[in-house]
Amino acid sequence: MLKKRLLSFKYAFKGIYTLFASQPNAKIHLVATFVVISLGFYYSITTYEWCLCIFAIASVLAAEAFNTALEFLTDLVSPDYHELAGKTKDVAAGAVLITAIGASLVGGIIFLPKIFPTFFSTI
């Protein structure tokens, strides 16, 4: 049983590798992740702010992984063009966009007052 559990981690890491090796947008999200983490350390954000950033990052990366999985599966079951296959991919990509916008808003709320303190001190 322990061997099966360890193998499940192996497969999960293989999936993460496939995500970043095959998806340009996942690489962009990874760069954004490093920027957010760097800014978090630079501005010494609070524990609560770290939790929000980590949740936002994890949400975007998970959405990108779900989107990629759906694209792979859709391509498998519908190698030829089909309107529903296209809609499936579009909706999954829309889900990634929604999470990325939400994460950007979280980042803006946390970091903009730290980056531009004089502008936000007058509000």
PDB file of N, CA and C in Angstrom:
ATOM      1  N   MET A   1       0.821  -1.193   0.000  1.00  0.00           N
ATOM      2  CA  MET A   1       0.000   0.000   0.000  1.00  0.00           C
ATOM      3  C   MET A   1       0.866   1.259   0.000  1.00  0.00           C
ATOM      4  N   LEU A   2       1.947   1.238   0.775  1.00  0.00           N
ATOM      5  CA  LEU A   2       2.847   2.391   0.827  1.00  0.00           C
ATOM      6  C   LEU A   2       3.472   2.639  -0.543  1.00  0.00           C
ATOM      7  N   LYS A   3       3.800   1.553  -1.243  1.00  0.00           N
ATOM      8  CA  LYS A   3       4.391   1.691  -2.569  1.00  0.00           C
ATOM      9  C   LYS A   3       3.417   2.388  -3.524  1.00  0.00           C
ATOM     10  N   LYS A   4       2.127   2.037  -3.443  1.00  0.00           N
ATOM     11  CA  LYS A   4       1.126   2.678  -4.293  1.00  0.00           C
ATOM     12  C   LYS A   4       0.998   4.166  -3.963  1.00  0.00           C
ATOM     13  N   ARG A   5       1.072   4.514  -2.703  1.00  0.00           N
ATOM     14  CA  ARG A   5       0.984   5.924  -2.300  1.00  0.00           C
ATOM     15  C   ARG A   5       2.188   6.701  -2.840  1.00  0.00           C
ATOM     16  N   LEU A   6       3.351   6.117  -2.724  1.00  0.00           N
ATOM     17  CA  LEU A   6       4.553   6.772  -3.240  1.00  0.00           C
ATOM     18  C   LEU A   6       4.493   6.922  -4.755  1.00  0.00           C
ATOM     19  N   LEU A   7       3.968   5.894  -5.435  1.00  0.00           N
ATOM     20  CA  LEU A   7       3.815   5.981  -6.893  1.00  0.00           C
ATOM     21  C   LEU A   7       2.841   7.088  -7.292  1.00  0.00           C
ATOM     22  N   SER A   8       1.816   7.307  -6.472  1.00  0.00           N
ATOM     23  CA  SER A   8       0.857   8.351  -6.795  1.00  0.00           C
ATOM     24  C   SER A   8       1.540   9.725  -6.768  1.00  0.00           C
ATOM     25  N   PHE A   9       2.495   9.909  -5.860  1.00  0.00           N
ATOM     26  CA  PHE A   9       3.261  11.159  -5.849  1.00  0.00           C
ATOM     27  C   PHE A   9       4.143  11.270  -7.094  1.00  0.00           C
ATOM     28  N   LYS A  10       4.724  10.159  -7.481  1.00  0.00           N
ATOM     29  CA  LYS A  10       5.553  10.148  -8.690  1.00  0.00           C
ATOM     30  C   LYS A  10       4.738  10.594  -9.899  1.00  0.00           C
ATOM     31  N   TYR A  11       3.533  10.054 -10.032  1.00  0.00           N
ATOM     32  CA  TYR A  11       2.676  10.408 -11.165  1.00  0.00           C
ATOM     33  C   TYR A  11       2.231  11.870 -11.078  1.00  0.00           C
ATOM     34  N   ALA A  12       1.955  12.327  -9.874  1.00  0.00           N
ATOM     35  CA  ALA A  12       1.553  13.730  -9.704  1.00  0.00           C
ATOM     36  C   ALA A  12       2.682  14.670 -10.114  1.00  0.00           C
ATOM     37  N   PHE A  13       3.904  14.370  -9.701  1.00  0.00           N
ATOM     38  CA  PHE A  13       5.040  15.213 -10.093  1.00  0.00           C
ATOM     39  C   PHE A  13       5.290  15.133 -11.599  1.00  0.00           C
ATOM     40  N   LYS A  14       5.048  13.954 -12.180  1.00  0.00           N
ATOM     41  CA  LYS A  14       5.164  13.813 -13.630  1.00  0.00           C
ATOM     42  C   LYS A  14       4.140  14.715 -14.322  1.00  0.00           C
ATOM     43  N   GLY A  15       2.937  14.787 -13.766  1.00  0.00           N
ATOM     44  CA  GLY A  15       1.904  15.662 -14.314  1.00  0.00           C
ATOM     45  C   GLY A  15       2.278  17.130 -14.207  1.00  0.00           C
ATOM     46  N   ILE A  16       2.851  17.522 -13.083  1.00  0.00           N
ATOM     47  CA  ILE A  16       3.301  18.907 -12.903  1.00  0.00           C
ATOM     48  C   ILE A  16       4.400  19.226 -13.915  1.00  0.00           C
ATOM     49  N   TYR A  17       5.321  18.297 -14.108  1.00  0.00           N
ATOM     50  CA  TYR A  17       6.373  18.490 -15.107  1.00  0.00           C
ATOM     51  C   TYR A  17       5.771  18.664 -16.502  1.00  0.00           C
ATOM     52  N   THR A  18       4.821  17.798 -16.839  1.00  0.00           N
ATOM     53  CA  THR A  18       4.163  17.882 -18.153  1.00  0.00           C
ATOM     54  C   THR A  18       3.474  19.225 -18.321  1.00  0.00           C
ATOM     55  N   LEU A  19       2.822  19.696 -17.270  1.00  0.00           N
ATOM     56  CA  LEU A  19       2.144  20.990 -17.322  1.00  0.00           C
ATOM     57  C   LEU A  19       3.112  22.094 -17.726  1.00  0.00           C
ATOM     58  N   PHE A  20       4.224  22.195 -16.997  1.00  0.00           N
ATOM     59  CA  PHE A  20       5.158  23.302 -17.252  1.00  0.00           C
ATOM     60  C   PHE A  20       6.008  23.084 -18.499  1.00  0.00           C
ATOM     61  N   ALA A  21       6.223  21.826 -18.885  1.00  0.00           N
ATOM     62  CA  ALA A  21       7.013  21.547 -20.081  1.00  0.00           C
ATOM     63  C   ALA A  21       6.215  21.785 -21.360  1.00  0.00           C
ATOM     64  N   SER A  22       4.895  21.655 -21.271  1.00  0.00           N
ATOM     65  CA  SER A  22       4.108  21.697 -22.503  1.00  0.00           C
ATOM     66  C   SER A  22       3.232  22.936 -22.659  1.00  0.00           C
ATOM     67  N   GLN A  23       3.048  23.708 -21.606  1.00  0.00           N
ATOM     68  CA  GLN A  23       2.092  24.807 -21.663  1.00  0.00           C
ATOM     69  C   GLN A  23       2.774  26.167 -21.449  1.00  0.00           C
ATOM     70  N   PRO A  24       2.852  26.977 -22.490  1.00  0.00           N
ATOM     71  CA  PRO A  24       3.477  28.304 -22.352  1.00  0.00           C
ATOM     72  C   PRO A  24       2.801  29.178 -21.295  1.00  0.00           C
ATOM     73  N   ASN A  25       1.478  29.115 -21.200  1.00  0.00           N
ATOM     74  CA  ASN A  25       0.801  29.937 -20.196  1.00  0.00           C
ATOM     75  C   ASN A  25       1.142  29.498 -18.775  1.00  0.00           C
ATOM     76  N   ALA A  26       1.374  28.220 -18.580  1.00  0.00           N
ATOM     77  CA  ALA A  26       1.780  27.742 -17.252  1.00  0.00           C
ATOM     78  C   ALA A  26       3.131  28.324 -16.882  1.00  0.00           C
ATOM     79  N   LYS A  27       4.010  28.459 -17.860  1.00  0.00           N
ATOM     80  CA  LYS A  27       5.318  29.075 -17.591  1.00  0.00           C
ATOM     81  C   LYS A  27       5.152  30.540 -17.206  1.00  0.00           C
ATOM     82  N   ILE A  28       4.231  31.230 -17.853  1.00  0.00           N
ATOM     83  CA  ILE A  28       3.954  32.627 -17.498  1.00  0.00           C
ATOM     84  C   ILE A  28       3.438  32.714 -16.069  1.00  0.00           C
ATOM     85  N   HIS A  29       2.531  31.815 -15.705  1.00  0.00           N
ATOM     86  CA  HIS A  29       2.019  31.794 -14.331  1.00  0.00           C
ATOM     87  C   HIS A  29       3.131  31.478 -13.332  1.00  0.00           C
ATOM     88  N   LEU A  30       4.065  30.629 -13.726  1.00  0.00           N
ATOM     89  CA  LEU A  30       5.182  30.299 -12.845  1.00  0.00           C
ATOM     90  C   LEU A  30       6.076  31.513 -12.628  1.00  0.00           C
ATOM     91  N   VAL A  31       6.335  32.276 -13.673  1.00  0.00           N
ATOM     92  CA  VAL A  31       7.111  33.512 -13.533  1.00  0.00           C
ATOM     93  C   VAL A  31       6.383  34.480 -12.600  1.00  0.00           C
ATOM     94  N   ALA A  32       5.065  34.617 -12.797  1.00  0.00           N
ATOM     95  CA  ALA A  32       4.276  35.491 -11.922  1.00  0.00           C
ATOM     96  C   ALA A  32       4.355  35.013 -10.471  1.00  0.00           C
ATOM     97  N   THR A  33       4.385  33.708 -10.274  1.00  0.00           N
ATOM     98  CA  THR A  33       4.519  33.147  -8.932  1.00  0.00           C
ATOM     99  C   THR A  33       5.820  33.602  -8.284  1.00  0.00           C
ATOM    100  N   PHE A  34       6.915  33.516  -9.016  1.00  0.00           N
ATOM    101  CA  PHE A  34       8.203  33.943  -8.471  1.00  0.00           C
ATOM    102  C   PHE A  34       8.231  35.442  -8.207  1.00  0.00           C
ATOM    103  N   VAL A  35       7.575  36.224  -9.043  1.00  0.00           N
ATOM    104  CA  VAL A  35       7.498  37.671  -8.811  1.00  0.00           C
ATOM    105  C   VAL A  35       6.739  37.951  -7.518  1.00  0.00           C
ATOM    106  N   VAL A  36       5.598  37.298  -7.340  1.00  0.00           N
ATOM    107  CA  VAL A  36       4.794  37.513  -6.135  1.00  0.00           C
ATOM    108  C   VAL A  36       5.556  37.084  -4.891  1.00  0.00           C
ATOM    109  N   ILE A  37       6.208  35.941  -4.944  1.00  0.00           N
ATOM    110  CA  ILE A  37       6.981  35.476  -3.786  1.00  0.00           C
ATOM    111  C   ILE A  37       8.117  36.448  -3.477  1.00  0.00           C
ATOM    112  N   SER A  38       8.797  36.919  -4.501  1.00  0.00           N
ATOM    113  CA  SER A  38       9.879  37.890  -4.298  1.00  0.00           C
ATOM    114  C   SER A  38       9.355  39.175  -3.675  1.00  0.00           C
ATOM    115  N   LEU A  39       8.244  39.681  -4.204  1.00  0.00           N
ATOM    116  CA  LEU A  39       7.651  40.904  -3.644  1.00  0.00           C
ATOM    117  C   LEU A  39       7.203  40.673  -2.204  1.00  0.00           C
ATOM    118  N   GLY A  40       6.687  39.484  -1.933  1.00  0.00           N
ATOM    119  CA  GLY A  40       6.264  39.174  -0.574  1.00  0.00           C
ATOM    120  C   GLY A  40       7.409  39.245   0.412  1.00  0.00           C
ATOM    121  N   PHE A  41       8.555  38.699   0.035  1.00  0.00           N
ATOM    122  CA  PHE A  41       9.721  38.788   0.914  1.00  0.00           C
ATOM    123  C   PHE A  41      10.252  40.217   0.985  1.00  0.00           C
ATOM    124  N   TYR A  42      10.288  40.894  -0.134  1.00  0.00           N
ATOM    125  CA  TYR A  42      10.822  42.261  -0.168  1.00  0.00           C
ATOM    126  C   TYR A  42       9.997  43.202   0.714  1.00  0.00           C
ATOM    127  N   TYR A  43       8.688  43.085   0.640  1.00  0.00           N
ATOM    128  CA  TYR A  43       7.817  43.975   1.405  1.00  0.00           C
ATOM    129  C   TYR A  43       7.401  43.396   2.745  1.00  0.00           C
ATOM    130  N   SER A  44       7.931  42.252   3.122  1.00  0.00           N
ATOM    131  CA  SER A  44       7.627  41.618   4.412  1.00  0.00           C
ATOM    132  C   SER A  44       6.123  41.582   4.668  1.00  0.00           C
ATOM    133  N   ILE A  45       5.395  40.963   3.757  1.00  0.00           N
ATOM    134  CA  ILE A  45       3.950  40.917   3.914  1.00  0.00           C
ATOM    135  C   ILE A  45       3.583  40.077   5.129  1.00  0.00           C
ATOM    136  N   THR A  46       2.386  40.309   5.631  1.00  0.00           N
ATOM    137  CA  THR A  46       1.928  39.625   6.851  1.00  0.00           C
ATOM    138  C   THR A  46       1.593  38.163   6.560  1.00  0.00           C
ATOM    139  N   THR A  47       1.429  37.409   7.620  1.00  0.00           N
ATOM    140  CA  THR A  47       1.037  36.005   7.482  1.00  0.00           C
ATOM    141  C   THR A  47      -0.290  35.891   6.736  1.00  0.00           C
ATOM    142  N   TYR A  48      -1.234  36.761   7.066  1.00  0.00           N
ATOM    143  CA  TYR A  48      -2.533  36.759   6.390  1.00  0.00           C
ATOM    144  C   TYR A  48      -2.355  37.053   4.900  1.00  0.00           C
ATOM    145  N   GLU A  49      -1.521  38.015   4.550  1.00  0.00           N
ATOM    146  CA  GLU A  49      -1.268  38.338   3.150  1.00  0.00           C
ATOM    147  C   GLU A  49      -0.584  37.177   2.425  1.00  0.00           C
ATOM    148  N   TRP A  50       0.329  36.492   3.119  1.00  0.00           N
ATOM    149  CA  TRP A  50       0.964  35.311   2.533  1.00  0.00           C
ATOM    150  C   TRP A  50      -0.082  34.246   2.223  1.00  0.00           C
ATOM    151  N   CYS A  51      -1.009  34.047   3.162  1.00  0.00           N
ATOM    152  CA  CYS A  51      -2.046  33.041   2.946  1.00  0.00           C
ATOM    153  C   CYS A  51      -2.887  33.382   1.720  1.00  0.00           C
ATOM    154  N   LEU A  52      -3.238  34.646   1.567  1.00  0.00           N
ATOM    155  CA  LEU A  52      -4.010  35.063   0.400  1.00  0.00           C
ATOM    156  C   LEU A  52      -3.214  34.854  -0.888  1.00  0.00           C
ATOM    157  N   CYS A  53      -1.943  35.214  -0.863  1.00  0.00           N
ATOM    158  CA  CYS A  53      -1.098  35.036  -2.053  1.00  0.00           C
ATOM    159  C   CYS A  53      -0.935  33.559  -2.398  1.00  0.00           C
ATOM    160  N   ILE A  54      -0.676  32.732  -1.399  1.00  0.00           N
ATOM    161  CA  ILE A  54      -0.504  31.297  -1.639  1.00  0.00           C
ATOM    162  C   ILE A  54      -1.786  30.692  -2.199  1.00  0.00           C
ATOM    163  N   PHE A  55      -2.926  31.084  -1.642  1.00  0.00           N
ATOM    164  CA  PHE A  55      -4.198  30.565  -2.142  1.00  0.00           C
ATOM    165  C   PHE A  55      -4.438  31.015  -3.586  1.00  0.00           C
ATOM    166  N   ALA A  56      -4.130  32.271  -3.876  1.00  0.00           N
ATOM    167  CA  ALA A  56      -4.315  32.785  -5.234  1.00  0.00           C
ATOM    168  C   ALA A  56      -3.392  32.065  -6.215  1.00  0.00           C
ATOM    169  N   ILE A  57      -2.140  31.894  -5.833  1.00  0.00           N
ATOM    170  CA  ILE A  57      -1.173  31.193  -6.695  1.00  0.00           C
ATOM    171  C   ILE A  57      -1.624  29.757  -6.943  1.00  0.00           C
ATOM    172  N   ALA A  58      -1.975  29.063  -5.871  1.00  0.00           N
ATOM    173  CA  ALA A  58      -2.401  27.662  -6.003  1.00  0.00           C
ATOM    174  C   ALA A  58      -3.655  27.548  -6.867  1.00  0.00           C
ATOM    175  N   SER A  59      -4.564  28.488  -6.726  1.00  0.00           N
ATOM    176  CA  SER A  59      -5.792  28.461  -7.528  1.00  0.00           C
ATOM    177  C   SER A  59      -5.496  28.609  -9.016  1.00  0.00           C
ATOM    178  N   VAL A  60      -4.631  29.546  -9.353  1.00  0.00           N
ATOM    179  CA  VAL A  60      -4.303  29.764 -10.760  1.00  0.00           C
ATOM    180  C   VAL A  60      -3.570  28.556 -11.338  1.00  0.00           C
ATOM    181  N   LEU A  61      -2.588  28.050 -10.613  1.00  0.00           N
ATOM    182  CA  LEU A  61      -1.839  26.894 -11.122  1.00  0.00           C
ATOM    183  C   LEU A  61      -2.727  25.658 -11.232  1.00  0.00           C
ATOM    184  N   ALA A  62      -3.619  25.462 -10.268  1.00  0.00           N
ATOM    185  CA  ALA A  62      -4.539  24.327 -10.349  1.00  0.00           C
ATOM    186  C   ALA A  62      -5.508  24.501 -11.520  1.00  0.00           C
ATOM    187  N   ALA A  63      -6.007  25.701 -11.713  1.00  0.00           N
ATOM    188  CA  ALA A  63      -6.909  25.944 -12.845  1.00  0.00           C
ATOM    189  C   ALA A  63      -6.190  25.676 -14.158  1.00  0.00           C
ATOM    190  N   GLU A  64      -4.938  26.086 -14.251  1.00  0.00           N
ATOM    191  CA  GLU A  64      -4.154  25.832 -15.467  1.00  0.00           C
ATOM    192  C   GLU A  64      -3.956  24.327 -15.665  1.00  0.00           C
ATOM    193  N   ALA A  65      -3.744  23.600 -14.578  1.00  0.00           N
ATOM    194  CA  ALA A  65      -3.576  22.144 -14.686  1.00  0.00           C
ATOM    195  C   ALA A  65      -4.884  21.472 -15.110  1.00  0.00           C
ATOM    196  N   PHE A  66      -6.004  21.890 -14.528  1.00  0.00           N
ATOM    197  CA  PHE A  66      -7.304  21.336 -14.940  1.00  0.00           C
ATOM    198  C   PHE A  66      -7.574  21.643 -16.407  1.00  0.00           C
ATOM    199  N   ASN A  67      -7.274  22.858 -16.824  1.00  0.00           N
ATOM    200  CA  ASN A  67      -7.463  23.253 -18.216  1.00  0.00           C
ATOM    201  C   ASN A  67      -6.624  22.374 -19.144  1.00  0.00           C
ATOM    202  N   THR A  68      -5.387  22.161 -18.783  1.00  0.00           N
ATOM    203  CA  THR A  68      -4.502  21.329 -19.600  1.00  0.00           C
ATOM    204  C   THR A  68      -5.017  19.897 -19.666  1.00  0.00           C
ATOM    205  N   ALA A  69      -5.446  19.363 -18.525  1.00  0.00           N
ATOM    206  CA  ALA A  69      -5.989  17.999 -18.506  1.00  0.00           C
ATOM    207  C   ALA A  69      -7.222  17.894 -19.401  1.00  0.00           C
ATOM    208  N   LEU A  70      -8.095  18.885 -19.330  1.00  0.00           N
ATOM    209  CA  LEU A  70      -9.282  18.869 -20.189  1.00  0.00           C
ATOM    210  C   LEU A  70      -8.916  18.985 -21.664  1.00  0.00           C
ATOM    211  N   GLU A  71      -7.913  19.792 -21.977  1.00  0.00           N
ATOM    212  CA  GLU A  71      -7.469  19.899 -23.369  1.00  0.00           C
ATOM    213  C   GLU A  71      -6.919  18.564 -23.872  1.00  0.00           C
ATOM    214  N   PHE A  72      -6.078  17.913 -23.068  1.00  0.00           N
ATOM    215  CA  PHE A  72      -5.537  16.606 -23.461  1.00  0.00           C
ATOM    216  C   PHE A  72      -6.662  15.596 -23.677  1.00  0.00           C
ATOM    217  N   LEU A  73      -7.592  15.549 -22.736  1.00  0.00           N
ATOM    218  CA  LEU A  73      -8.695  14.594 -22.840  1.00  0.00           C
ATOM    219  C   LEU A  73      -9.592  14.906 -24.038  1.00  0.00           C
ATOM    220  N   THR A  74      -9.867  16.173 -24.256  1.00  0.00           N
ATOM    221  CA  THR A  74     -10.696  16.566 -25.394  1.00  0.00           C
ATOM    222  C   THR A  74     -10.026  16.187 -26.701  1.00  0.00           C
ATOM    223  N   ASP A  75      -8.733  16.416 -26.797  1.00  0.00           N
ATOM    224  CA  ASP A  75      -8.006  16.036 -28.009  1.00  0.00           C
ATOM    225  C   ASP A  75      -8.019  14.526 -28.221  1.00  0.00           C
ATOM    226  N   LEU A  76      -8.019  13.764 -27.130  1.00  0.00           N
ATOM    227  CA  LEU A  76      -8.061  12.311 -27.242  1.00  0.00           C
ATOM    228  C   LEU A  76      -9.406  11.824 -27.779  1.00  0.00           C
ATOM    229  N   VAL A  77     -10.481  12.330 -27.192  1.00  0.00           N
ATOM    230  CA  VAL A  77     -11.804  11.815 -27.556  1.00  0.00           C
ATOM    231  C   VAL A  77     -12.397  12.495 -28.787  1.00  0.00           C
ATOM    232  N   SER A  78     -11.842  13.646 -29.155  1.00  0.00           N
ATOM    233  CA  SER A  78     -12.365  14.359 -30.321  1.00  0.00           C
ATOM    234  C   SER A  78     -11.205  14.932 -31.127  1.00  0.00           C
ATOM    235  N   PRO A  79     -10.446  14.057 -31.802  1.00  0.00           N
ATOM    236  CA  PRO A  79      -9.277  14.543 -32.546  1.00  0.00           C
ATOM    237  C   PRO A  79      -9.656  15.466 -33.712  1.00  0.00           C
ATOM    238  N   ASP A  80     -10.839  15.258 -34.278  1.00  0.00           N
ATOM    239  CA  ASP A  80     -11.323  16.151 -35.323  1.00  0.00           C
ATOM    240  C   ASP A  80     -12.082  17.300 -34.670  1.00  0.00           C
ATOM    241  N   TYR A  81     -12.231  18.386 -35.425  1.00  0.00           N
ATOM    242  CA  TYR A  81     -12.946  19.535 -34.876  1.00  0.00           C
ATOM    243  C   TYR A  81     -14.393  19.155 -34.563  1.00  0.00           C
ATOM    244  N   HIS A  82     -14.834  19.570 -33.392  1.00  0.00           N
ATOM    245  CA  HIS A  82     -16.232  19.437 -33.002  1.00  0.00           C
ATOM    246  C   HIS A  82     -16.578  20.673 -32.184  1.00  0.00           C
ATOM    247  N   GLU A  83     -17.729  21.244 -32.440  1.00  0.00           N
ATOM    248  CA  GLU A  83     -18.129  22.479 -31.761  1.00  0.00           C
ATOM    249  C   GLU A  83     -18.119  22.330 -30.244  1.00  0.00           C
ATOM    250  N   LEU A  84     -18.616  21.212 -29.733  1.00  0.00           N
ATOM    251  CA  LEU A  84     -18.634  21.008 -28.282  1.00  0.00           C
ATOM    252  C   LEU A  84     -17.223  20.866 -27.706  1.00  0.00           C
ATOM    253  N   ALA A  85     -16.327  20.254 -28.466  1.00  0.00           N
ATOM    254  CA  ALA A  85     -14.937  20.158 -28.005  1.00  0.00           C
ATOM    255  C   ALA A  85     -14.342  21.557 -27.893  1.00  0.00           C
ATOM    256  N   GLY A  86     -14.629  22.402 -28.875  1.00  0.00           N
ATOM    257  CA  GLY A  86     -14.145  23.779 -28.826  1.00  0.00           C
ATOM    258  C   GLY A  86     -14.718  24.542 -27.650  1.00  0.00           C
ATOM    259  N   LYS A  87     -16.012  24.349 -27.387  1.00  0.00           N
ATOM    260  CA  LYS A  87     -16.633  25.012 -26.237  1.00  0.00           C
ATOM    261  C   LYS A  87     -16.020  24.538 -24.922  1.00  0.00           C
ATOM    262  N   THR A  88     -15.748  23.241 -24.852  1.00  0.00           N
ATOM    263  CA  THR A  88     -15.123  22.692 -23.646  1.00  0.00           C
ATOM    264  C   THR A  88     -13.790  23.375 -23.366  1.00  0.00           C
ATOM    265  N   LYS A  89     -12.980  23.479 -24.398  1.00  0.00           N
ATOM    266  CA  LYS A  89     -11.666  24.117 -24.242  1.00  0.00           C
ATOM    267  C   LYS A  89     -11.813  25.594 -23.904  1.00  0.00           C
ATOM    268  N   ASP A  90     -12.771  26.265 -24.538  1.00  0.00           N
ATOM    269  CA  ASP A  90     -12.972  27.696 -24.275  1.00  0.00           C
ATOM    270  C   ASP A  90     -13.411  27.951 -22.837  1.00  0.00           C
ATOM    271  N   VAL A  91     -14.331  27.136 -22.351  1.00  0.00           N
ATOM    272  CA  VAL A  91     -14.812  27.321 -20.979  1.00  0.00           C
ATOM    273  C   VAL A  91     -13.691  27.044 -19.977  1.00  0.00           C
ATOM    274  N   ALA A  92     -12.896  26.011 -20.226  1.00  0.00           N
ATOM    275  CA  ALA A  92     -11.775  25.700 -19.333  1.00  0.00           C
ATOM    276  C   ALA A  92     -10.753  26.841 -19.336  1.00  0.00           C
ATOM    277  N   ALA A  93     -10.477  27.390 -20.516  1.00  0.00           N
ATOM    278  CA  ALA A  93      -9.558  28.530 -20.590  1.00  0.00           C
ATOM    279  C   ALA A  93     -10.150  29.739 -19.881  1.00  0.00           C
ATOM    280  N   GLY A  94     -11.468  29.905 -19.980  1.00  0.00           N
ATOM    281  CA  GLY A  94     -12.134  30.998 -19.263  1.00  0.00           C
ATOM    282  C   GLY A  94     -11.993  30.853 -17.759  1.00  0.00           C
ATOM    283  N   ALA A  95     -12.042  29.629 -17.274  1.00  0.00           N
ATOM    284  CA  ALA A  95     -11.865  29.394 -15.837  1.00  0.00           C
ATOM    285  C   ALA A  95     -10.477  29.826 -15.383  1.00  0.00           C
ATOM    286  N   VAL A  96      -9.478  29.556 -16.197  1.00  0.00           N
ATOM    287  CA  VAL A  96      -8.115  30.000 -15.865  1.00  0.00           C
ATOM    288  C   VAL A  96      -8.070  31.528 -15.825  1.00  0.00           C
ATOM    289  N   LEU A  97      -8.688  32.149 -16.807  1.00  0.00           N
ATOM    290  CA  LEU A  97      -8.697  33.614 -16.851  1.00  0.00           C
ATOM    291  C   LEU A  97      -9.386  34.199 -15.620  1.00  0.00           C
ATOM    292  N   ILE A  98     -10.496  33.606 -15.219  1.00  0.00           N
ATOM    293  CA  ILE A  98     -11.196  34.086 -14.018  1.00  0.00           C
ATOM    294  C   ILE A  98     -10.295  34.012 -12.793  1.00  0.00           C
ATOM    295  N   THR A  99      -9.610  32.884 -12.610  1.00  0.00           N
ATOM    296  CA  THR A  99      -8.730  32.760 -11.438  1.00  0.00           C
ATOM    297  C   THR A  99      -7.542  33.708 -11.535  1.00  0.00           C
ATOM    298  N   ALA A 100      -7.023  33.906 -12.745  1.00  0.00           N
ATOM    299  CA  ALA A 100      -5.888  34.826 -12.913  1.00  0.00           C
ATOM    300  C   ALA A 100      -6.303  36.261 -12.613  1.00  0.00           C
ATOM    301  N   ILE A 101      -7.494  36.649 -13.031  1.00  0.00           N
ATOM    302  CA  ILE A 101      -7.985  37.999 -12.713  1.00  0.00           C
ATOM    303  C   ILE A 101      -8.159  38.143 -11.208  1.00  0.00           C
ATOM    304  N   GLY A 102      -8.754  37.142 -10.584  1.00  0.00           N
ATOM    305  CA  GLY A 102      -8.907  37.181  -9.130  1.00  0.00           C
ATOM    306  C   GLY A 102      -7.575  37.272  -8.405  1.00  0.00           C
ATOM    307  N   ALA A 103      -6.598  36.502  -8.864  1.00  0.00           N
ATOM    308  CA  ALA A 103      -5.267  36.539  -8.251  1.00  0.00           C
ATOM    309  C   ALA A 103      -4.617  37.898  -8.466  1.00  0.00           C
ATOM    310  N   SER A 104      -4.816  38.481  -9.632  1.00  0.00           N
ATOM    311  CA  SER A 104      -4.260  39.811  -9.905  1.00  0.00           C
ATOM    312  C   SER A 104      -4.882  40.858  -8.985  1.00  0.00           C
ATOM    313  N   LEU A 105      -6.175  40.737  -8.742  1.00  0.00           N
ATOM    314  CA  LEU A 105      -6.832  41.669  -7.825  1.00  0.00           C
ATOM    315  C   LEU A 105      -6.294  41.518  -6.405  1.00  0.00           C
ATOM    316  N   VAL A 106      -6.110  40.274  -5.975  1.00  0.00           N
ATOM    317  CA  VAL A 106      -5.523  40.038  -4.649  1.00  0.00           C
ATOM    318  C   VAL A 106      -4.134  40.665  -4.579  1.00  0.00           C
ATOM    319  N   GLY A 107      -3.322  40.411  -5.615  1.00  0.00           N
ATOM    320  CA  GLY A 107      -1.979  40.995  -5.646  1.00  0.00           C
ATOM    321  C   GLY A 107      -2.012  42.509  -5.641  1.00  0.00           C
ATOM    322  N   GLY A 108      -2.930  43.088  -6.390  1.00  0.00           N
ATOM    323  CA  GLY A 108      -3.043  44.547  -6.416  1.00  0.00           C
ATOM    324  C   GLY A 108      -3.414  45.112  -5.062  1.00  0.00           C
ATOM    325  N   ILE A 109      -4.373  44.475  -4.401  1.00  0.00           N
ATOM    326  CA  ILE A 109      -4.797  44.950  -3.076  1.00  0.00           C
ATOM    327  C   ILE A 109      -3.653  44.862  -2.080  1.00  0.00           C
ATOM    328  N   ILE A 110      -2.855  43.823  -2.174  1.00  0.00           N
ATOM    329  CA  ILE A 110      -1.755  43.638  -1.217  1.00  0.00           C
ATOM    330  C   ILE A 110      -0.557  44.505  -1.561  1.00  0.00           C
ATOM    331  N   PHE A 111      -0.162  44.522  -2.851  1.00  0.00           N
ATOM    332  CA  PHE A 111       1.128  45.116  -3.189  1.00  0.00           C
ATOM    333  C   PHE A 111       1.085  46.572  -3.650  1.00  0.00           C
ATOM    334  N   LEU A 112       0.023  46.999  -4.285  1.00  0.00           N
ATOM    335  CA  LEU A 112       0.019  48.382  -4.781  1.00  0.00           C
ATOM    336  C   LEU A 112       0.195  49.416  -3.671  1.00  0.00           C
ATOM    337  N   PRO A 113      -0.469  49.263  -2.509  1.00  0.00           N
ATOM    338  CA  PRO A 113      -0.220  50.236  -1.436  1.00  0.00           C
ATOM    339  C   PRO A 113       1.224  50.203  -0.901  1.00  0.00           C
ATOM    340  N   LYS A 114       1.901  49.102  -1.086  1.00  0.00           N
ATOM    341  CA  LYS A 114       3.292  49.002  -0.639  1.00  0.00           C
ATOM    342  C   LYS A 114       4.239  49.589  -1.687  1.00  0.00           C
ATOM    343  N   ILE A 115       3.876  49.416  -2.957  1.00  0.00           N
ATOM    344  CA  ILE A 115       4.727  49.902  -4.041  1.00  0.00           C
ATOM    345  C   ILE A 115       4.567  51.409  -4.231  1.00  0.00           C
ATOM    346  N   PHE A 116       3.336  51.905  -4.106  1.00  0.00           N
ATOM    347  CA  PHE A 116       3.054  53.328  -4.301  1.00  0.00           C
ATOM    348  C   PHE A 116       2.450  53.930  -3.031  1.00  0.00           C
ATOM    349  N   PRO A 117       3.211  54.000  -1.946  1.00  0.00           N
ATOM    350  CA  PRO A 117       2.627  54.437  -0.678  1.00  0.00           C
ATOM    351  C   PRO A 117       2.147  55.893  -0.681  1.00  0.00           C
ATOM    352  N   THR A 118       2.819  56.774  -1.424  1.00  0.00           N
ATOM    353  CA  THR A 118       2.389  58.173  -1.413  1.00  0.00           C
ATOM    354  C   THR A 118       1.044  58.336  -2.108  1.00  0.00           C
ATOM    355  N   PHE A 119       0.823  57.582  -3.177  1.00  0.00           N
ATOM    356  CA  PHE A 119      -0.457  57.665  -3.885  1.00  0.00           C
ATOM    357  C   PHE A 119      -1.602  57.144  -3.015  1.00  0.00           C
ATOM    358  N   PHE A 120      -1.375  56.045  -2.300  1.00  0.00           N
ATOM    359  CA  PHE A 120      -2.438  55.433  -1.532  1.00  0.00           C
ATOM    360  C   PHE A 120      -2.612  56.083  -0.166  1.00  0.00           C
ATOM    361  N   SER A 121      -1.654  56.885   0.294  1.00  0.00           N
ATOM    362  CA  SER A 121      -1.802  57.533   1.580  1.00  0.00           C
ATOM    363  C   SER A 121      -2.780  58.695   1.502  1.00  0.00           C
ATOM    364  N   THR A 122      -3.053  59.202   0.300  1.00  0.00           N
ATOM    365  CA  THR A 122      -3.998  60.312   0.147  1.00  0.00           C
ATOM    366  C   THR A 122      -5.430  59.829  -0.033  1.00  0.00           C
ATOM    367  N   ILE A 123      -5.613  58.514  -0.158  1.00  0.00           N
ATOM    368  CA  ILE A 123      -6.964  57.989  -0.372  1.00  0.00           C
ATOM    369  C   ILE A 123      -7.644  57.746   0.952  1.00  0.00           C
TER     370      ILE A 123
END
